[in-house]
């Protein structure tokens, strides 16, 4: 049962990556592209967490947390830059 759930999670993550890349390519404004990059970073965090569960090495959860924090700070910096530019 757990294997089926993990395969479904992997498929949903793959579908989310495709949607994020499409939004990144099709995005008309810079804000659309920033949101797409943020979405892709959240998806990669979920991918890291899934890999940590599959491999049984939960040190990767710490990596995902640090990556999430850095991603959040990067989006804040980009938003501040775009706000000053406008």
Protein backbone atom coordinates (compact mmCIF):
# COMPACT_ATOMS: atom_id res chain seq x y z
CA UNK A 1 0.00 0.00 0.00
CA UNK A 2 2.81 2.41 0.87
CA UNK A 3 4.50 1.70 -2.45
CA UNK A 4 1.38 2.72 -4.34
CA UNK A 5 1.12 5.96 -2.38
CA UNK A 6 4.78 6.76 -3.02
CA UNK A 7 4.35 6.12 -6.75
CA UNK A 8 1.30 8.38 -6.82
CA UNK A 9 3.28 11.07 -4.98
CA UNK A 10 6.11 10.75 -7.49
CA UNK A 11 3.69 11.08 -10.39
CA UNK A 12 2.09 14.16 -8.87
CA UNK A 13 5.50 15.72 -8.30
CA UNK A 14 6.41 15.07 -11.94
CA UNK A 15 3.12 16.62 -13.10
CA UNK A 16 3.80 19.64 -10.88
CA UNK A 17 7.27 20.07 -12.37
CA UNK A 18 5.79 20.07 -15.88
CA UNK A 19 3.20 22.68 -14.88
CA UNK A 20 5.86 24.84 -13.20
CA UNK A 21 8.17 24.77 -16.20
CA UNK A 22 5.27 25.65 -18.50
CA UNK A 23 4.39 28.61 -16.27
CA UNK A 24 8.04 29.66 -16.30
CA UNK A 25 8.18 29.57 -20.10
CA UNK A 26 4.73 31.03 -20.79
CA UNK A 27 4.82 33.68 -18.04
CA UNK A 28 4.38 37.12 -19.53
CA UNK A 29 5.65 39.20 -16.65
CA UNK A 30 8.60 38.96 -14.31
CA UNK A 31 6.25 38.32 -11.40
CA UNK A 32 4.81 35.26 -13.17
CA UNK A 33 8.29 33.88 -13.63
CA UNK A 34 9.28 34.55 -10.02
CA UNK A 35 6.16 32.74 -8.81
CA UNK A 36 6.98 29.82 -11.13
CA UNK A 37 10.52 29.61 -9.77
CA UNK A 38 9.19 29.71 -6.22
CA UNK A 39 6.73 26.95 -7.07
CA UNK A 40 9.54 24.86 -8.56
CA UNK A 41 11.60 25.31 -5.40
CA UNK A 42 8.67 24.10 -3.27
CA UNK A 43 8.29 21.11 -5.60
CA UNK A 44 11.99 20.33 -5.30
CA UNK A 45 11.68 20.47 -1.51
CA UNK A 46 8.91 17.88 -1.71
CA UNK A 47 11.10 15.80 -4.02
CA UNK A 48 13.96 15.94 -1.52
CA UNK A 49 11.58 14.87 1.26
CA UNK A 50 10.29 11.98 -0.83
CA UNK A 51 13.83 10.89 -1.59
CA UNK A 52 14.70 11.09 2.11
CA UNK A 53 11.81 8.78 2.89
CA UNK A 54 12.67 6.33 0.11
CA UNK A 55 16.36 6.16 1.00
CA UNK A 56 15.78 6.07 4.75
CA UNK A 57 18.29 8.86 5.32
CA UNK A 58 16.42 11.59 7.10
CA UNK A 59 19.37 13.99 7.06
CA UNK A 60 17.97 15.13 3.71
CA UNK A 61 15.03 16.66 5.58
CA UNK A 62 17.49 19.16 7.05
CA UNK A 63 18.72 19.92 3.55
CA UNK A 64 15.13 20.52 2.43
CA UNK A 65 14.50 22.87 5.37
CA UNK A 66 17.62 24.92 4.64
CA UNK A 67 16.74 25.02 0.94
CA UNK A 68 13.24 26.21 1.82
CA UNK A 69 14.60 28.98 4.02
CA UNK A 70 17.02 30.15 1.35
CA UNK A 71 14.30 30.02 -1.28
CA UNK A 72 12.00 32.11 0.89
CA UNK A 73 14.70 34.71 1.45
CA UNK A 74 15.51 34.82 -2.26
CA UNK A 75 11.87 35.44 -3.17
CA UNK A 76 11.69 38.22 -0.59
CA UNK A 77 14.80 39.82 -2.05
CA UNK A 78 13.46 39.61 -5.58
CA UNK A 79 10.10 41.04 -4.51
CA UNK A 80 11.82 43.93 -2.77
CA UNK A 81 13.94 44.59 -5.85
CA UNK A 82 10.88 44.55 -8.12
CA UNK A 83 9.00 46.85 -5.74
CA UNK A 84 11.78 49.45 -5.81
CA UNK A 85 12.10 49.21 -9.59
CA UNK A 86 8.41 49.91 -10.19
